[in-house]
Protein backbone atom coordinates (compact mmCIF):
# COMPACT_ATOMS: atom_id res chain seq x y z
CA MET A 1 -21.92 10.69 -8.55
CA PRO A 2 -21.85 6.94 -9.18
CA LEU A 3 -18.39 5.47 -9.53
CA LYS A 4 -17.39 2.98 -12.22
CA ILE A 5 -15.72 0.14 -10.33
CA ALA A 6 -13.89 -2.77 -11.96
CA VAL A 7 -13.19 -5.76 -9.72
CA GLN A 8 -10.25 -7.99 -10.70
CA MET A 9 -10.89 -11.25 -8.90
CA ASP A 10 -11.13 -15.03 -9.21
CA HIS A 11 -14.27 -15.81 -11.17
CA ILE A 12 -17.25 -14.79 -9.07
CA SER A 13 -18.88 -18.18 -9.66
CA SER A 14 -16.13 -19.85 -7.58
CA ILE A 15 -16.21 -17.74 -4.42
CA ASN A 16 -17.72 -18.53 -1.02
CA ILE A 17 -19.92 -15.49 -0.51
CA ALA A 18 -20.22 -16.10 3.24
CA GLY A 19 -16.60 -15.14 3.77
CA ASP A 20 -15.39 -13.35 0.64
CA SER A 21 -14.32 -9.77 1.34
CA ALA A 22 -14.42 -8.75 -2.33
CA PHE A 23 -18.07 -9.80 -2.42
CA ALA A 24 -18.77 -7.72 0.70
CA LEU A 25 -17.22 -4.69 -1.00
CA MET A 26 -19.26 -5.33 -4.16
CA LEU A 27 -22.53 -5.61 -2.22
CA GLU A 28 -21.91 -2.31 -0.47
CA ALA A 29 -20.77 -0.52 -3.65
CA GLN A 30 -23.93 -1.64 -5.43
CA ALA A 31 -26.10 -0.52 -2.51
CA ARG A 32 -24.52 2.92 -2.81
CA GLY A 33 -25.46 3.20 -6.48
CA HIS A 34 -22.05 2.53 -8.05
CA GLU A 35 -21.56 0.61 -11.31
CA LEU A 36 -19.82 -2.77 -10.96
CA TYR A 37 -17.75 -4.60 -13.57
CA HIS A 38 -16.16 -8.02 -13.08
CA TYR A 39 -13.16 -9.58 -14.79
CA THR A 40 -10.49 -12.21 -14.12
CA PRO A 41 -6.75 -11.40 -14.34
CA GLU A 42 -6.04 -13.46 -17.46
CA ARG A 43 -8.24 -11.07 -19.48
CA LEU A 44 -5.80 -8.18 -18.99
CA ALA A 45 -4.14 -6.95 -22.19
CA LEU A 46 -1.41 -4.32 -22.28
CA TRP A 47 -1.42 -2.32 -25.52
CA GLY A 48 1.54 0.01 -25.07
CA GLU A 49 0.33 2.29 -22.27
CA GLN A 50 -3.30 1.15 -22.47
CA VAL A 51 -4.67 -1.58 -20.19
CA MET A 52 -7.56 -3.18 -22.05
CA VAL A 53 -9.87 -5.86 -20.66
CA SER A 54 -13.21 -7.47 -21.40
CA VAL A 55 -15.47 -6.90 -18.39
CA ASP A 56 -18.84 -8.24 -17.34
CA PRO A 57 -21.29 -5.68 -15.95
CA VAL A 58 -22.46 -7.46 -12.82
CA THR A 59 -25.32 -7.36 -10.34
CA VAL A 60 -24.71 -9.10 -7.01
CA ARG A 61 -27.12 -10.67 -4.51
CA ASP A 62 -26.47 -12.07 -1.05
CA GLU A 63 -28.05 -15.38 -2.02
CA VAL A 64 -26.08 -18.63 -2.03
CA GLY A 65 -26.19 -20.20 -5.48
CA ASN A 66 -27.77 -17.09 -7.01
CA HIS A 67 -25.26 -14.44 -6.05
CA TYR A 68 -24.49 -12.76 -9.38
CA GLU A 69 -25.88 -11.89 -12.78
CA PHE A 70 -23.87 -10.66 -15.75
CA GLY A 71 -24.84 -8.16 -18.41
CA ASP A 72 -23.38 -8.18 -21.91
CA GLN A 73 -19.59 -8.30 -21.86
CA ILE A 74 -17.83 -5.18 -23.11
CA ARG A 75 -14.20 -4.33 -23.85
CA VAL A 76 -12.91 -1.29 -21.94
CA ASP A 77 -9.81 0.73 -21.25
CA LEU A 78 -9.33 0.49 -17.47
CA ALA A 79 -8.27 4.15 -17.53
CA ASP A 80 -11.98 4.90 -18.04
CA MET A 81 -12.84 3.34 -14.69
CA ASP A 82 -12.83 5.35 -11.46
CA VAL A 83 -11.61 2.50 -9.25
CA VAL A 84 -10.04 -0.91 -9.85
CA LEU A 85 -10.11 -3.37 -6.96
CA MET A 86 -7.27 -5.90 -7.26
CA ARG A 87 -8.81 -8.77 -5.30
CA GLN A 88 -7.75 -12.09 -6.81
CA ASP A 89 -6.49 -14.65 -4.30
CA PRO A 90 -2.87 -15.83 -4.22
CA PRO A 91 -0.72 -17.78 -5.08
CA PHE A 92 1.62 -14.83 -5.35
CA ASP A 93 3.40 -16.10 -8.44
CA LEU A 94 4.73 -14.64 -11.68
CA SER A 95 1.17 -14.36 -13.02
CA TYR A 96 0.22 -12.24 -10.01
CA ILE A 97 3.33 -10.11 -10.43
CA ALA A 98 2.62 -9.61 -14.15
CA ALA A 99 -0.85 -8.30 -13.26
CA THR A 100 0.68 -5.73 -10.90
CA HIS A 101 2.95 -4.48 -13.71
CA MET A 102 -0.03 -4.04 -16.01
CA LEU A 103 -2.14 -2.23 -13.41
CA GLU A 104 0.81 0.02 -12.59
CA LYS A 105 0.24 1.60 -16.01
CA LEU A 106 -2.96 3.14 -14.60
CA GLU A 107 -1.08 5.41 -12.19
CA GLY A 108 -2.43 8.94 -12.46
CA LYS A 109 -5.47 7.74 -14.43
CA THR A 110 -7.42 5.29 -12.29
CA ARG A 111 -7.29 4.48 -8.58
CA VAL A 112 -6.08 0.88 -8.04
CA ILE A 113 -6.63 -0.63 -4.58
CA ASN A 114 -4.35 -1.89 -3.23
CA ASN A 115 -1.53 0.00 -4.95
CA PRO A 116 -0.11 -2.64 -7.35
CA VAL A 117 3.48 -1.44 -6.91
CA ALA A 118 3.21 -1.83 -3.14
CA VAL A 119 1.53 -5.23 -3.50
CA ARG A 120 4.36 -6.40 -5.74
CA ASN A 121 6.98 -5.13 -3.30
CA ALA A 122 5.28 -6.53 -0.19
CA PRO A 123 5.18 -10.35 -0.31
CA GLU A 124 3.14 -11.08 2.75
CA LYS A 125 5.63 -13.23 4.65
CA LEU A 126 8.61 -11.01 3.72
CA PHE A 127 7.13 -7.53 4.16
CA VAL A 128 6.30 -8.37 7.76
CA THR A 129 10.01 -8.77 8.54
CA GLN A 130 10.32 -4.96 8.39
CA PHE A 131 8.80 -5.21 11.87
CA SER A 132 10.93 -8.10 13.13
CA ASP A 133 10.90 -6.80 16.71
CA LEU A 134 7.12 -7.39 16.76
CA MET A 135 7.43 -10.95 15.43
CA PRO A 136 8.21 -14.33 16.95
CA PRO A 137 11.75 -15.56 16.17
CA THR A 138 11.71 -16.07 12.40
CA LEU A 139 14.11 -17.44 9.79
CA ILE A 140 13.73 -17.10 6.01
CA SER A 141 15.95 -19.70 4.39
CA HIS A 142 16.26 -22.73 2.15
CA ASP A 143 19.54 -23.85 3.73
CA ARG A 144 19.48 -27.00 5.87
CA LYS A 145 22.33 -25.85 8.11
CA GLU A 146 20.58 -22.58 8.93
CA ILE A 147 17.32 -24.35 9.66
CA ASP A 148 19.11 -26.89 11.86
CA LEU A 149 20.71 -24.06 13.86
CA PHE A 150 17.36 -22.31 14.26
CA ARG A 151 15.74 -25.54 15.39
CA GLN A 152 18.49 -26.19 17.92
CA GLU A 153 17.92 -22.74 19.40
CA HIS A 154 14.13 -22.71 19.47
CA GLY A 155 13.03 -26.35 19.70
CA ASP A 156 9.49 -26.71 18.32
CA ILE A 157 9.15 -24.80 15.04
CA VAL A 158 6.63 -24.14 12.28
CA MET A 159 7.65 -24.53 8.63
CA LYS A 160 5.63 -23.00 5.81
CA PRO A 161 6.21 -21.94 2.18
CA LEU A 162 7.19 -18.32 1.67
CA PHE A 163 4.50 -17.74 -0.94
CA GLY A 164 1.88 -20.09 0.50
CA HIS A 165 -1.65 -19.00 1.33
CA GLY A 166 -4.77 -20.18 3.13
CA GLY A 167 -2.84 -22.33 5.60
CA ALA A 168 -1.60 -24.75 2.91
CA ALA A 169 1.58 -26.74 3.72
CA VAL A 170 1.97 -25.34 7.25
CA PHE A 171 3.69 -27.87 9.51
CA ARG A 172 4.66 -27.98 13.17
CA VAL A 173 7.94 -29.81 13.76
CA THR A 174 8.63 -30.76 17.37
CA GLU A 175 12.11 -30.79 18.87
CA ASP A 176 12.43 -34.58 18.51
CA ASP A 177 10.23 -35.03 15.42
CA LEU A 178 11.53 -37.93 13.31
CA ASN A 179 9.69 -36.53 10.28
CA TYR A 180 11.89 -33.43 10.12
CA GLY A 181 14.32 -34.85 7.53
CA SER A 182 11.51 -36.09 5.30
CA LEU A 183 9.69 -32.78 5.60
CA TYR A 184 12.85 -30.91 4.63
CA ASP A 185 13.21 -33.15 1.57
CA PHE A 186 9.54 -32.56 0.66
CA PHE A 187 9.93 -28.79 0.89
CA ALA A 188 13.20 -28.89 -1.09
CA ALA A 189 11.55 -30.87 -3.87
CA THR A 190 8.39 -28.75 -3.93
CA PHE A 191 9.44 -25.12 -3.36
CA ARG A 192 12.35 -23.38 -5.10
CA GLU A 193 12.05 -20.24 -3.00
CA PRO A 194 13.17 -19.96 0.66
CA TRP A 195 10.78 -21.03 3.41
CA VAL A 196 9.50 -19.40 6.57
CA ILE A 197 10.67 -21.05 9.77
CA GLN A 198 9.18 -19.68 13.00
CA LYS A 199 9.29 -20.56 16.66
CA PHE A 200 6.12 -22.47 17.50
CA LEU A 201 3.74 -20.43 19.67
CA PRO A 202 1.73 -22.82 21.90
CA ASN A 203 -0.95 -20.20 22.52
CA VAL A 204 -2.04 -20.46 18.88
CA LYS A 205 -4.57 -22.94 20.32
CA HIS A 206 -6.35 -19.88 21.78
CA GLY A 207 -6.50 -18.21 18.39
CA ASP A 208 -4.82 -16.32 15.57
CA LYS A 209 -6.26 -12.81 15.48
CA ARG A 210 -7.05 -11.25 12.10
CA ILE A 211 -6.97 -7.47 12.42
CA MET A 212 -8.20 -5.36 9.50
CA LEU A 213 -6.65 -1.97 8.86
CA LEU A 214 -8.24 0.63 6.59
CA ASN A 215 -5.94 3.37 5.32
CA GLY A 216 -3.53 2.50 8.13
CA GLU A 217 -6.13 2.64 10.91
CA PHE A 218 -7.71 -0.17 12.92
CA ALA A 219 -11.07 -1.12 11.40
CA GLY A 220 -12.10 -4.38 13.09
CA ALA A 221 -10.88 -7.77 14.29
CA ILE A 222 -11.83 -11.40 14.79
CA ASN A 223 -10.10 -14.21 16.63
CA ARG A 224 -9.75 -17.39 14.56
CA VAL A 225 -9.50 -20.53 16.69
CA PRO A 226 -8.10 -23.73 15.15
CA ALA A 227 -10.34 -26.75 14.81
CA ALA A 228 -9.61 -29.63 17.17
CA GLY A 229 -6.52 -31.53 16.04
CA ASP A 230 -5.32 -28.82 13.64
CA LEU A 231 -2.52 -26.28 13.91
CA ARG A 232 -4.08 -23.86 11.41
CA SER A 233 -6.68 -21.27 12.29
CA ASN A 234 -7.57 -20.21 8.73
CA MET A 235 -11.33 -20.31 8.31
CA VAL A 236 -10.92 -22.16 5.00
CA ARG A 237 -9.20 -24.89 7.08
CA GLY A 238 -12.01 -25.16 9.62
CA GLY A 239 -11.02 -22.39 12.03
CA ALA A 240 -13.88 -20.82 14.00
CA ALA A 241 -14.30 -17.04 14.17
CA GLU A 242 -14.96 -15.27 17.46
CA ASP A 243 -15.60 -11.61 18.22
CA SER A 244 -12.52 -9.97 19.70
CA GLU A 245 -11.28 -6.76 21.26
CA LEU A 246 -7.71 -5.53 20.86
CA SER A 247 -5.17 -5.85 23.64
CA ASP A 248 -2.74 -3.04 24.40
CA ARG A 249 -0.03 -5.02 22.60
CA GLU A 250 -2.21 -5.42 19.51
CA ARG A 251 -2.96 -1.70 19.47
CA GLU A 252 0.77 -1.05 19.63
CA ILE A 253 1.28 -3.32 16.62
CA CYS A 254 -1.41 -1.46 14.65
CA GLN A 255 0.15 1.90 15.52
CA ARG A 256 3.57 0.70 14.33
CA VAL A 257 2.43 -0.96 11.12
CA GLY A 258 -0.39 1.39 10.06
CA PRO A 259 1.65 4.41 8.92
CA ALA A 260 3.84 2.24 6.66
CA LEU A 261 0.74 0.74 5.03
CA LYS A 262 -0.86 4.13 4.44
CA GLU A 263 2.35 5.60 3.02
CA GLN A 264 2.57 2.83 0.42
CA GLY A 265 -1.07 2.95 -0.65
CA LEU A 266 -1.96 -0.37 0.98
CA MET A 267 -5.47 0.69 1.86
CA LEU A 268 -7.16 -2.53 2.95
CA VAL A 269 -4.87 -4.91 4.83
CA GLY A 270 -5.26 -7.82 7.22
CA ILE A 271 -2.55 -8.46 9.79
CA ASP A 272 -2.28 -11.69 11.79
CA VAL A 273 -1.28 -11.71 15.47
CA ILE A 274 -0.71 -14.78 17.67
CA ASP A 275 -0.25 -14.24 21.39
CA GLY A 276 0.94 -10.67 20.85
CA ASN A 277 3.28 -11.62 17.99
CA LEU A 278 2.85 -10.23 14.47
CA THR A 279 3.11 -13.14 12.03
CA GLU A 280 1.85 -11.88 8.64
CA ILE A 281 0.77 -8.73 6.80
CA ASN A 282 -1.79 -9.71 4.14
CA VAL A 283 -2.02 -7.19 1.30
CA THR A 284 -3.38 -9.17 -1.67
CA ALA A 285 -6.98 -10.21 -0.88
CA PRO A 286 -7.34 -10.37 2.93
CA THR A 287 -10.53 -11.90 4.28
CA GLY A 288 -12.38 -11.02 7.46
CA ILE A 289 -14.81 -8.24 6.51
CA ARG A 290 -17.95 -10.40 6.48
CA ALA A 291 -17.05 -12.36 9.62
CA ILE A 292 -16.36 -9.18 11.58
CA LYS A 293 -19.74 -7.72 10.66
CA ARG A 294 -21.56 -11.02 11.26
CA LEU A 295 -20.16 -11.17 14.81
CA GLY A 296 -21.38 -7.67 15.62
CA GLY A 297 -18.25 -5.74 14.72
CA PRO A 298 -17.88 -2.71 12.44
CA ASP A 299 -19.13 -2.69 8.86
CA ILE A 300 -15.76 -2.29 7.15
CA ALA A 301 -17.25 -2.34 3.64
CA THR A 302 -19.29 0.76 4.50
CA GLN A 303 -16.24 2.47 6.01
CA PHE A 304 -14.22 1.58 2.90
CA TRP A 305 -16.62 3.14 0.38
CA GLU A 306 -17.29 6.19 2.53
CA LEU A 307 -13.55 6.85 2.51
CA ILE A 308 -13.23 6.26 -1.25
CA GLU A 309 -16.19 8.56 -1.98
CA GLN A 310 -14.71 11.30 0.21
CA GLN A 311 -11.36 11.01 -1.53
CA GLU A 312 -12.91 11.01 -5.01
CA CYS A 313 -15.03 14.06 -4.20
CA ALA A 314 -11.97 15.88 -2.93
CA LYS A 315 -10.14 15.53 -6.25
């Protein structure tokens, strides 16, 4: 039977369909005969135990500049949906957290993917520290003395905001970098939360691998190579995607991380690995689905909906 699927996302008019994973999931859901509804997070309204929202019935097309068409907007109780996809991009701020609290009210009524409680409890650059033995040396701190000590021990470091996204405000600081003090002052004036300080991994020039896991299992991967003259491999920052196979070390990382993701209801996750080091676990709106398929890898959107349909039929 067709499923009623509500997609909570940034407005569909603003997305880059060539790389947007939510759009890939919507295309496949539509192809399978499911009903699609679109809304943005600020439309959520909590009436006691009811989560009400005005949704746009939507038809999607894989055509740049003509990729969606809305029907007449309707107001619905999200408990009447079969599936809600929580797919808006970070920043992971209080607005994002408020949305997870509202969607938590749907527990036992409507399937929310990813589980909003787990998303709230798994900030992407903090959750990963549960697997610190798989990571490069990492410090989470706002304290200048602690950062100085870490820098003395590890030399070249990378500094980035704890709740940053898309490669924004990621800096390499060399051992003798005269900008270090100014950068510290900039971070202190800009970010109230602690920062992530990591040992710089020179082999990032060969790529930052995005590995997608579906229900805790490996689903596909791409290697993202930084553009010339840039530290960051994020595709929104000019990184180039390459087809990639997993190394033995990367398979070990998937086997360690996967069961924890599945247990918490984090169904579609992207992990980042640099030179055999786990650096992030992305649980909000990880990208990579379209690039993996475009480069000849698995069709993760098809795998995703086949799994959802099996689980819904088994209820």
